[in-house]
Amino acid sequence: MYYTGLRPAECMQLKWRDLNFESELIAVRPYLNKRKNDLPAIFTKPAQRVITRYKQKLLELGTSNEWIFPSMWTAEPITVCAMGKKFLKICQECGLAQFDRHDQRGKPKYSLSLYSLRHSFCTRVYKITGSEIAVSRLARHTQVQSASIYTHLNFDDKREIANLVFN
C-alpha cells in the first residue's frame, strides 16, 4: 500500500493476475474502486521488489492461492479488518503506534492504521512534487481537492519552505 497508494480494500482484494510487471500497472477492478471505473494503480519498482520477495516466501511456505493476501482459514482474501489488526499489533510492538483517543463509541483509536500507508504514500508524492494534482492522479481521486487531506507538512517542512521563500 505504501509503494502504490492503494486503498486497504483494493489491496486486500488483489489477485496475482492483477499485477503486471511489464506495464508497471496494477489492475484495480471497478467494484473495488471508489471511482467505479478501472483506473489502474502504478506498480512502482519498490512495490515490485517487495511483492516478489513476498511471493517467494509464500512459495517456501507452500501457500498457493490466487489471492495476494489470502486468509489462513478460507479460500478468500484476508479481510481489511483482520489485516488492520495485524498491522496495528506490529506497529505497537515496534513502538510506532500510540493510543490517541477514544472514538464516539468508546473504542480506542491509535495514531496509525492500515490507511496510514496510503496517507504516507500521498504525503511523500506531495513532498517530492509539491503538486496536489500529482497526488490526486496517483491516488486515483475524482476531485483534486480530495488530495488536500493527504498533504501534511510537519513543522520542519514548513520552516524549510519559509526559508526558501524568504532567503
N, C-alpha and C. Protein backbone atom coordinates (compact mmCIF):
# COMPACT_ATOMS: atom_id res chain seq x y z
N MET A 1 0.82 -1.19 0.00
CA MET A 1 0.00 0.00 0.00
C MET A 1 0.86 1.25 0.00
N TYR A 2 1.96 1.21 0.76
CA TYR A 2 2.83 2.38 0.83
C TYR A 2 3.44 2.71 -0.53
N TYR A 3 3.84 1.71 -1.28
CA TYR A 3 4.51 1.95 -2.56
C TYR A 3 3.55 2.14 -3.73
N THR A 4 2.25 1.93 -3.52
CA THR A 4 1.29 2.03 -4.63
C THR A 4 0.18 3.04 -4.38
N GLY A 5 -0.10 3.37 -3.13
CA GLY A 5 -1.20 4.27 -2.81
C GLY A 5 -2.56 3.59 -2.84
N LEU A 6 -2.58 2.27 -2.91
CA LEU A 6 -3.86 1.56 -2.93
C LEU A 6 -4.60 1.73 -1.62
N ARG A 7 -5.91 1.74 -1.70
CA ARG A 7 -6.75 1.71 -0.51
C ARG A 7 -6.66 0.32 0.09
N PRO A 8 -6.83 0.19 1.41
CA PRO A 8 -6.77 -1.15 2.02
C PRO A 8 -7.69 -2.16 1.36
N ALA A 9 -8.93 -1.79 1.09
CA ALA A 9 -9.87 -2.73 0.47
C ALA A 9 -9.41 -3.16 -0.92
N GLU A 10 -8.83 -2.22 -1.67
CA GLU A 10 -8.32 -2.56 -3.00
C GLU A 10 -7.16 -3.53 -2.89
N CYS A 11 -6.29 -3.28 -1.95
CA CYS A 11 -5.10 -4.11 -1.77
C CYS A 11 -5.46 -5.53 -1.33
N MET A 12 -6.36 -5.66 -0.36
CA MET A 12 -6.71 -6.98 0.16
C MET A 12 -7.42 -7.83 -0.88
N GLN A 13 -8.04 -7.21 -1.88
CA GLN A 13 -8.78 -7.93 -2.91
C GLN A 13 -7.96 -8.23 -4.17
N LEU A 14 -6.68 -7.92 -4.15
CA LEU A 14 -5.85 -8.15 -5.34
C LEU A 14 -5.58 -9.64 -5.55
N LYS A 15 -5.56 -10.00 -6.81
CA LYS A 15 -5.15 -11.35 -7.22
C LYS A 15 -3.82 -11.22 -7.94
N TRP A 16 -3.07 -12.31 -7.98
CA TRP A 16 -1.76 -12.27 -8.63
C TRP A 16 -1.87 -11.82 -10.08
N ARG A 17 -2.95 -12.17 -10.76
CA ARG A 17 -3.12 -11.80 -12.16
C ARG A 17 -3.34 -10.29 -12.34
N ASP A 18 -3.61 -9.57 -11.25
CA ASP A 18 -3.82 -8.12 -11.33
C ASP A 18 -2.51 -7.33 -11.44
N LEU A 19 -1.39 -8.01 -11.17
CA LEU A 19 -0.09 -7.34 -11.20
C LEU A 19 0.57 -7.53 -12.56
N ASN A 20 0.97 -6.43 -13.19
CA ASN A 20 1.63 -6.51 -14.49
C ASN A 20 3.01 -5.85 -14.37
N PHE A 21 4.03 -6.70 -14.31
CA PHE A 21 5.40 -6.21 -14.15
C PHE A 21 5.87 -5.48 -15.41
N GLU A 22 5.41 -5.90 -16.58
CA GLU A 22 5.84 -5.27 -17.83
C GLU A 22 5.32 -3.85 -17.98
N SER A 23 4.02 -3.69 -17.82
CA SER A 23 3.43 -2.36 -17.99
C SER A 23 3.55 -1.52 -16.72
N GLU A 24 3.99 -2.15 -15.63
CA GLU A 24 4.13 -1.49 -14.33
C GLU A 24 2.79 -0.92 -13.85
N LEU A 25 1.73 -1.71 -14.05
CA LEU A 25 0.39 -1.30 -13.63
C LEU A 25 -0.25 -2.40 -12.77
N ILE A 26 -1.14 -1.96 -11.90
CA ILE A 26 -1.93 -2.86 -11.08
C ILE A 26 -3.39 -2.65 -11.47
N ALA A 27 -4.04 -3.71 -11.89
CA ALA A 27 -5.45 -3.62 -12.26
C ALA A 27 -6.29 -3.53 -10.99
N VAL A 28 -7.07 -2.48 -10.88
CA VAL A 28 -7.98 -2.30 -9.75
C VAL A 28 -9.38 -2.39 -10.32
N ARG A 29 -10.06 -3.46 -9.98
CA ARG A 29 -11.39 -3.71 -10.55
C ARG A 29 -12.40 -2.66 -10.09
N PRO A 30 -13.36 -2.32 -10.96
CA PRO A 30 -14.34 -1.26 -10.64
C PRO A 30 -15.08 -1.47 -9.33
N TYR A 31 -15.43 -2.69 -8.99
CA TYR A 31 -16.21 -2.90 -7.76
C TYR A 31 -15.38 -2.69 -6.50
N LEU A 32 -14.07 -2.57 -6.66
CA LEU A 32 -13.21 -2.29 -5.51
C LEU A 32 -12.82 -0.83 -5.44
N ASN A 33 -13.02 -0.14 -6.53
CA ASN A 33 -12.52 1.21 -6.68
C ASN A 33 -13.66 2.20 -6.45
N LYS A 34 -13.45 3.18 -5.62
CA LYS A 34 -14.48 4.19 -5.34
C LYS A 34 -14.96 4.89 -6.60
N ARG A 35 -14.09 4.98 -7.59
CA ARG A 35 -14.44 5.71 -8.82
C ARG A 35 -15.39 4.93 -9.70
N LYS A 36 -15.58 3.68 -9.45
CA LYS A 36 -16.45 2.81 -10.25
C LYS A 36 -15.96 2.71 -11.69
N ASN A 37 -14.67 2.76 -11.85
CA ASN A 37 -14.08 2.52 -13.16
C ASN A 37 -12.84 1.65 -12.98
N ASP A 38 -12.12 1.45 -14.03
CA ASP A 38 -10.99 0.53 -13.93
C ASP A 38 -9.64 1.22 -14.02
N LEU A 39 -9.50 2.39 -13.41
CA LEU A 39 -8.21 3.07 -13.43
C LEU A 39 -7.17 2.23 -12.72
N PRO A 40 -6.06 1.96 -13.38
CA PRO A 40 -5.02 1.16 -12.73
C PRO A 40 -4.18 2.00 -11.77
N ALA A 41 -3.51 1.31 -10.88
CA ALA A 41 -2.53 1.96 -10.00
C ALA A 41 -1.15 1.71 -10.59
N ILE A 42 -0.22 2.57 -10.27
CA ILE A 42 1.16 2.41 -10.74
C ILE A 42 1.85 1.36 -9.88
N PHE A 43 2.49 0.41 -10.54
CA PHE A 43 3.20 -0.68 -9.87
C PHE A 43 4.68 -0.28 -9.83
N THR A 44 5.05 0.47 -8.80
CA THR A 44 6.40 1.03 -8.70
C THR A 44 7.45 -0.07 -8.54
N LYS A 45 8.68 0.27 -8.85
CA LYS A 45 9.79 -0.70 -8.72
C LYS A 45 9.93 -1.19 -7.28
N PRO A 46 9.87 -0.32 -6.26
CA PRO A 46 9.96 -0.84 -4.89
C PRO A 46 8.82 -1.82 -4.57
N ALA A 47 7.62 -1.53 -5.06
CA ALA A 47 6.49 -2.44 -4.84
C ALA A 47 6.76 -3.77 -5.52
N GLN A 48 7.33 -3.74 -6.70
CA GLN A 48 7.65 -4.97 -7.42
C GLN A 48 8.66 -5.82 -6.64
N ARG A 49 9.68 -5.15 -6.09
CA ARG A 49 10.69 -5.89 -5.32
C ARG A 49 10.08 -6.53 -4.08
N VAL A 50 9.26 -5.76 -3.36
CA VAL A 50 8.64 -6.28 -2.13
C VAL A 50 7.71 -7.44 -2.44
N ILE A 51 6.89 -7.30 -3.47
CA ILE A 51 5.90 -8.33 -3.78
C ILE A 51 6.59 -9.59 -4.30
N THR A 52 7.72 -9.44 -4.99
CA THR A 52 8.47 -10.60 -5.47
C THR A 52 9.04 -11.39 -4.29
N ARG A 53 9.61 -10.69 -3.32
CA ARG A 53 10.13 -11.36 -2.11
C ARG A 53 9.00 -12.02 -1.33
N TYR A 54 7.88 -11.33 -1.24
CA TYR A 54 6.71 -11.86 -0.52
C TYR A 54 6.22 -13.16 -1.19
N LYS A 55 6.14 -13.15 -2.52
CA LYS A 55 5.68 -14.35 -3.24
C LYS A 55 6.64 -15.51 -3.03
N GLN A 56 7.95 -15.23 -3.02
CA GLN A 56 8.94 -16.28 -2.77
C GLN A 56 8.72 -16.90 -1.39
N LYS A 57 8.43 -16.06 -0.40
CA LYS A 57 8.18 -16.56 0.97
C LYS A 57 6.92 -17.42 1.00
N LEU A 58 5.87 -16.99 0.31
CA LEU A 58 4.64 -17.78 0.25
C LEU A 58 4.91 -19.15 -0.37
N LEU A 59 5.69 -19.16 -1.45
CA LEU A 59 6.01 -20.42 -2.11
C LEU A 59 6.83 -21.33 -1.20
N GLU A 60 7.77 -20.74 -0.45
CA GLU A 60 8.56 -21.52 0.51
C GLU A 60 7.67 -22.16 1.57
N LEU A 61 6.63 -21.45 1.95
CA LEU A 61 5.69 -21.97 2.95
C LEU A 61 4.69 -22.95 2.35
N GLY A 62 4.71 -23.09 1.04
CA GLY A 62 3.79 -24.00 0.38
C GLY A 62 2.40 -23.43 0.20
N THR A 63 2.28 -22.11 0.28
CA THR A 63 1.00 -21.45 0.12
C THR A 63 0.80 -21.09 -1.34
N SER A 64 -0.25 -21.60 -1.92
CA SER A 64 -0.57 -21.29 -3.31
C SER A 64 -2.03 -20.87 -3.37
N ASN A 65 -2.26 -19.66 -3.82
CA ASN A 65 -3.61 -19.11 -3.83
C ASN A 65 -3.67 -18.03 -4.89
N GLU A 66 -4.85 -17.80 -5.45
CA GLU A 66 -4.99 -16.73 -6.44
C GLU A 66 -4.91 -15.35 -5.79
N TRP A 67 -5.24 -15.27 -4.50
CA TRP A 67 -5.22 -14.01 -3.77
C TRP A 67 -3.80 -13.67 -3.32
N ILE A 68 -3.45 -12.42 -3.38
CA ILE A 68 -2.13 -12.00 -2.90
C ILE A 68 -2.08 -12.07 -1.37
N PHE A 69 -3.17 -11.69 -0.73
CA PHE A 69 -3.24 -11.74 0.73
C PHE A 69 -4.35 -12.71 1.15
N PRO A 70 -4.05 -14.01 1.09
CA PRO A 70 -5.08 -15.00 1.41
C PRO A 70 -5.33 -15.11 2.91
N SER A 71 -6.54 -15.48 3.24
CA SER A 71 -6.87 -15.79 4.62
C SER A 71 -6.23 -17.13 4.98
N MET A 72 -5.84 -17.29 6.21
CA MET A 72 -5.28 -18.57 6.64
C MET A 72 -6.36 -19.63 6.79
N TRP A 73 -7.61 -19.21 6.89
CA TRP A 73 -8.69 -20.13 7.23
C TRP A 73 -9.64 -20.43 6.09
N THR A 74 -9.71 -19.57 5.09
CA THR A 74 -10.65 -19.78 3.99
C THR A 74 -9.91 -19.64 2.66
N ALA A 75 -10.61 -19.88 1.58
CA ALA A 75 -10.04 -19.70 0.25
C ALA A 75 -10.23 -18.26 -0.24
N GLU A 76 -10.64 -17.40 0.64
CA GLU A 76 -10.91 -15.99 0.32
C GLU A 76 -9.73 -15.12 0.76
N PRO A 77 -9.73 -13.85 0.34
CA PRO A 77 -8.67 -12.95 0.83
C PRO A 77 -8.89 -12.59 2.29
N ILE A 78 -7.83 -12.18 2.95
CA ILE A 78 -7.94 -11.71 4.33
C ILE A 78 -8.79 -10.44 4.33
N THR A 79 -9.52 -10.22 5.39
CA THR A 79 -10.37 -9.02 5.45
C THR A 79 -9.52 -7.80 5.83
N VAL A 80 -10.01 -6.65 5.48
CA VAL A 80 -9.32 -5.40 5.83
C VAL A 80 -9.23 -5.28 7.35
N CYS A 81 -10.28 -5.66 8.03
CA CYS A 81 -10.31 -5.58 9.49
C CYS A 81 -9.21 -6.46 10.10
N ALA A 82 -9.11 -7.70 9.64
CA ALA A 82 -8.10 -8.61 10.16
C ALA A 82 -6.69 -8.11 9.86
N MET A 83 -6.47 -7.62 8.63
CA MET A 83 -5.15 -7.10 8.27
C MET A 83 -4.83 -5.85 9.07
N GLY A 84 -5.85 -5.01 9.29
CA GLY A 84 -5.65 -3.80 10.09
C GLY A 84 -5.23 -4.11 11.51
N LYS A 85 -5.84 -5.14 12.10
CA LYS A 85 -5.47 -5.55 13.46
C LYS A 85 -4.04 -6.06 13.51
N LYS A 86 -3.64 -6.84 12.50
CA LYS A 86 -2.27 -7.34 12.44
C LYS A 86 -1.28 -6.18 12.29
N PHE A 87 -1.63 -5.24 11.40
CA PHE A 87 -0.77 -4.08 11.18
C PHE A 87 -0.60 -3.27 12.46
N LEU A 88 -1.71 -3.01 13.15
CA LEU A 88 -1.66 -2.24 14.39
C LEU A 88 -0.82 -2.95 15.45
N LYS A 89 -0.99 -4.25 15.56
CA LYS A 89 -0.22 -5.02 16.56
C LYS A 89 1.28 -4.92 16.29
N ILE A 90 1.67 -5.05 15.04
CA ILE A 90 3.08 -4.94 14.68
C ILE A 90 3.59 -3.53 14.98
N CYS A 91 2.80 -2.51 14.64
CA CYS A 91 3.20 -1.12 14.90
C CYS A 91 3.35 -0.87 16.40
N GLN A 92 2.45 -1.43 17.20
CA GLN A 92 2.53 -1.27 18.65
C GLN A 92 3.78 -1.96 19.19
N GLU A 93 4.05 -3.17 18.71
CA GLU A 93 5.23 -3.91 19.17
C GLU A 93 6.52 -3.18 18.83
N CYS A 94 6.51 -2.45 17.73
CA CYS A 94 7.70 -1.68 17.31
C CYS A 94 7.73 -0.29 17.94
N GLY A 95 6.71 0.04 18.72
CA GLY A 95 6.65 1.35 19.36
C GLY A 95 6.25 2.47 18.42
N LEU A 96 5.61 2.13 17.31
CA LEU A 96 5.23 3.15 16.33
C LEU A 96 3.83 3.69 16.54
N ALA A 97 2.90 2.84 16.98
CA ALA A 97 1.51 3.26 17.16
C ALA A 97 1.23 3.50 18.63
N GLN A 98 0.74 4.66 18.92
CA GLN A 98 0.41 5.03 20.29
C GLN A 98 -1.09 5.24 20.41
N PHE A 99 -1.62 5.01 21.62
CA PHE A 99 -3.03 5.29 21.86
C PHE A 99 -3.24 6.78 21.67
N ASP A 100 -4.27 7.14 20.91
CA ASP A 100 -4.51 8.53 20.56
C ASP A 100 -5.70 9.09 21.33
N ARG A 101 -6.84 8.41 21.24
CA ARG A 101 -8.08 8.88 21.86
C ARG A 101 -9.12 7.78 21.72
N HIS A 102 -10.29 8.03 22.24
CA HIS A 102 -11.42 7.12 22.04
C HIS A 102 -12.34 7.70 20.98
N ASP A 103 -12.94 6.81 20.18
CA ASP A 103 -13.90 7.30 19.19
C ASP A 103 -15.26 7.53 19.86
N GLN A 104 -16.26 7.87 19.06
CA GLN A 104 -17.59 8.20 19.59
C GLN A 104 -18.23 7.02 20.32
N ARG A 105 -17.88 5.81 19.93
CA ARG A 105 -18.46 4.62 20.56
C ARG A 105 -17.63 4.13 21.75
N GLY A 106 -16.55 4.85 22.06
CA GLY A 106 -15.71 4.47 23.19
C GLY A 106 -14.60 3.50 22.84
N LYS A 107 -14.44 3.19 21.56
CA LYS A 107 -13.36 2.30 21.14
C LYS A 107 -12.05 3.08 21.09
N PRO A 108 -10.94 2.45 21.47
CA PRO A 108 -9.65 3.16 21.40
C PRO A 108 -9.23 3.41 19.97
N LYS A 109 -8.68 4.58 19.73
CA LYS A 109 -8.13 4.95 18.43
C LYS A 109 -6.62 5.10 18.60
N TYR A 110 -5.89 4.70 17.58
CA TYR A 110 -4.44 4.75 17.64
C TYR A 110 -3.90 5.69 16.57
N SER A 111 -2.64 6.09 16.75
CA SER A 111 -2.03 7.07 15.86
C SER A 111 -1.78 6.52 14.46
N LEU A 112 -1.76 5.21 14.30
CA LEU A 112 -1.56 4.60 12.98
C LEU A 112 -2.65 3.59 12.69
N SER A 113 -2.97 3.46 11.42
CA SER A 113 -3.91 2.44 10.97
C SER A 113 -3.41 1.95 9.61
N LEU A 114 -4.06 0.96 9.08
CA LEU A 114 -3.70 0.45 7.76
C LEU A 114 -3.79 1.55 6.71
N TYR A 115 -4.75 2.45 6.87
CA TYR A 115 -4.92 3.55 5.93
C TYR A 115 -3.75 4.54 5.99
N SER A 116 -2.97 4.49 7.09
CA SER A 116 -1.80 5.37 7.23
C SER A 116 -0.81 5.16 6.09
N LEU A 117 -0.76 3.94 5.55
CA LEU A 117 0.16 3.66 4.45
C LEU A 117 -0.22 4.46 3.21
N ARG A 118 -1.51 4.56 2.93
CA ARG A 118 -1.97 5.38 1.80
C ARG A 118 -1.68 6.85 2.05
N HIS A 119 -1.94 7.30 3.29
CA HIS A 119 -1.63 8.69 3.64
C HIS A 119 -0.15 8.98 3.45
N SER A 120 0.71 8.05 3.88
CA SER A 120 2.16 8.24 3.75
C SER A 120 2.57 8.31 2.29
N PHE A 121 1.99 7.45 1.46
CA PHE A 121 2.26 7.46 0.02
C PHE A 121 1.92 8.84 -0.55
N CYS A 122 0.72 9.30 -0.27
CA CYS A 122 0.27 10.58 -0.82
C CYS A 122 1.09 11.75 -0.29
N THR A 123 1.42 11.71 0.99
CA THR A 123 2.24 12.78 1.57
C THR A 123 3.62 12.80 0.92
N ARG A 124 4.19 11.62 0.68
CA ARG A 124 5.51 11.55 0.04
C ARG A 124 5.45 12.11 -1.39
N VAL A 125 4.41 11.75 -2.14
CA VAL A 125 4.25 12.27 -3.50
C VAL A 125 4.15 13.79 -3.45
N TYR A 126 3.39 14.32 -2.49
CA TYR A 126 3.24 15.76 -2.38
C TYR A 126 4.56 16.44 -2.02
N LYS A 127 5.31 15.86 -1.07
CA LYS A 127 6.58 16.46 -0.66
C LYS A 127 7.57 16.52 -1.81
N ILE A 128 7.57 15.49 -2.65
CA ILE A 128 8.53 15.44 -3.75
C ILE A 128 8.09 16.31 -4.92
N THR A 129 6.79 16.30 -5.23
CA THR A 129 6.31 17.04 -6.40
C THR A 129 5.76 18.42 -6.08
N GLY A 130 5.24 18.59 -4.85
CA GLY A 130 4.58 19.85 -4.50
C GLY A 130 3.26 20.03 -5.24
N SER A 131 2.75 18.96 -5.80
CA SER A 131 1.56 19.06 -6.65
C SER A 131 0.41 18.22 -6.11
N GLU A 132 -0.69 18.91 -5.78
CA GLU A 132 -1.89 18.18 -5.37
C GLU A 132 -2.50 17.43 -6.55
N ILE A 133 -2.26 17.92 -7.75
CA ILE A 133 -2.75 17.22 -8.94
C ILE A 133 -2.05 15.86 -9.06
N ALA A 134 -0.73 15.85 -8.86
CA ALA A 134 0.01 14.58 -8.92
C ALA A 134 -0.51 13.61 -7.85
N VAL A 135 -0.72 14.12 -6.64
CA VAL A 135 -1.26 13.27 -5.56
C VAL A 135 -2.62 12.73 -5.97
N SER A 136 -3.47 13.60 -6.45
CA SER A 136 -4.83 13.21 -6.83
C SER A 136 -4.83 12.13 -7.91
N ARG A 137 -3.99 12.30 -8.91
CA ARG A 137 -3.95 11.33 -10.02
C ARG A 137 -3.36 10.01 -9.58
N LEU A 138 -2.27 10.03 -8.81
CA LEU A 138 -1.67 8.78 -8.35
C LEU A 138 -2.55 8.05 -7.35
N ALA A 139 -3.34 8.79 -6.58
CA ALA A 139 -4.26 8.18 -5.62
C ALA A 139 -5.58 7.80 -6.30
N ARG A 140 -5.73 8.19 -7.56
CA ARG A 140 -6.92 7.89 -8.35
C ARG A 140 -8.19 8.50 -7.76
N HIS A 141 -8.08 9.79 -7.38
CA HIS A 141 -9.23 10.53 -6.89
C HIS A 141 -10.01 11.12 -8.05
N THR A 142 -11.29 11.36 -7.83
CA THR A 142 -12.10 12.02 -8.87
C THR A 142 -11.95 13.53 -8.80
N GLN A 143 -11.63 14.07 -7.63
CA GLN A 143 -11.51 15.51 -7.45
C GLN A 143 -10.13 15.86 -6.88
N VAL A 144 -9.50 16.85 -7.45
CA VAL A 144 -8.16 17.25 -7.00
C VAL A 144 -8.18 17.66 -5.53
N GLN A 145 -9.23 18.36 -5.10
CA GLN A 145 -9.26 18.83 -3.71
C GLN A 145 -9.28 17.69 -2.69
N SER A 146 -9.63 16.49 -3.13
CA SER A 146 -9.59 15.33 -2.23
C SER A 146 -8.17 15.05 -1.75
N ALA A 147 -7.20 15.44 -2.55
CA ALA A 147 -5.79 15.19 -2.21
C ALA A 147 -5.33 16.04 -1.04
N SER A 148 -6.04 17.11 -0.73
CA SER A 148 -5.57 18.02 0.33
C SER A 148 -5.53 17.34 1.71
N ILE A 149 -6.31 16.29 1.92
CA ILE A 149 -6.27 15.62 3.22
C ILE A 149 -4.98 14.84 3.42
N TYR A 150 -4.26 14.57 2.32
CA TYR A 150 -3.02 13.81 2.42
C TYR A 150 -1.78 14.69 2.44
N THR A 151 -1.93 15.95 2.19
CA THR A 151 -0.77 16.82 2.01
C THR A 151 -0.34 17.45 3.33
N HIS A 152 0.12 16.62 4.21
CA HIS A 152 0.57 17.08 5.53
C HIS A 152 2.00 17.61 5.45
N LEU A 153 2.22 18.72 6.08
CA LEU A 153 3.58 19.24 6.22
C LEU A 153 3.87 19.38 7.70
N ASN A 154 4.98 18.78 8.13
CA ASN A 154 5.34 18.94 9.54
C ASN A 154 6.05 20.28 9.73
N PHE A 155 6.40 20.58 10.98
CA PHE A 155 6.99 21.88 11.30
C PHE A 155 8.29 22.11 10.54
N ASP A 156 9.13 21.07 10.43
CA ASP A 156 10.40 21.22 9.71
C ASP A 156 10.17 21.53 8.23
N ASP A 157 9.15 20.90 7.64
CA ASP A 157 8.82 21.18 6.24
C ASP A 157 8.40 22.63 6.08
N LYS A 158 7.56 23.11 7.00
CA LYS A 158 7.09 24.49 6.94
C LYS A 158 8.26 25.47 7.09
N ARG A 159 9.16 25.17 8.01
CA ARG A 159 10.34 26.04 8.23
C ARG A 159 11.17 26.09 6.95
N GLU A 160 11.42 24.93 6.34
CA GLU A 160 12.24 24.87 5.13
C GLU A 160 11.59 25.67 3.99
N ILE A 161 10.29 25.56 3.84
CA ILE A 161 9.58 26.31 2.80
C ILE A 161 9.68 27.81 3.06
N ALA A 162 9.43 28.21 4.32
CA ALA A 162 9.50 29.62 4.67
C ALA A 162 10.91 30.17 4.39
N ASN A 163 11.94 29.41 4.73
CA ASN A 163 13.30 29.85 4.49
C ASN A 163 13.62 29.94 3.00
N LEU A 164 13.08 29.00 2.21
CA LEU A 164 13.27 29.06 0.76
C LEU A 164 12.61 30.31 0.16
N VAL A 165 11.44 30.63 0.66
CA VAL A 165 10.69 31.77 0.14
C VAL A 165 11.35 33.09 0.51
N PHE A 166 11.88 33.19 1.72
CA PHE A 166 12.39 34.48 2.19
C PHE A 166 13.90 34.58 2.29
N ASN A 167 14.62 33.67 1.69
CA ASN A 167 16.09 33.77 1.66
C ASN A 167 16.59 34.04 0.29
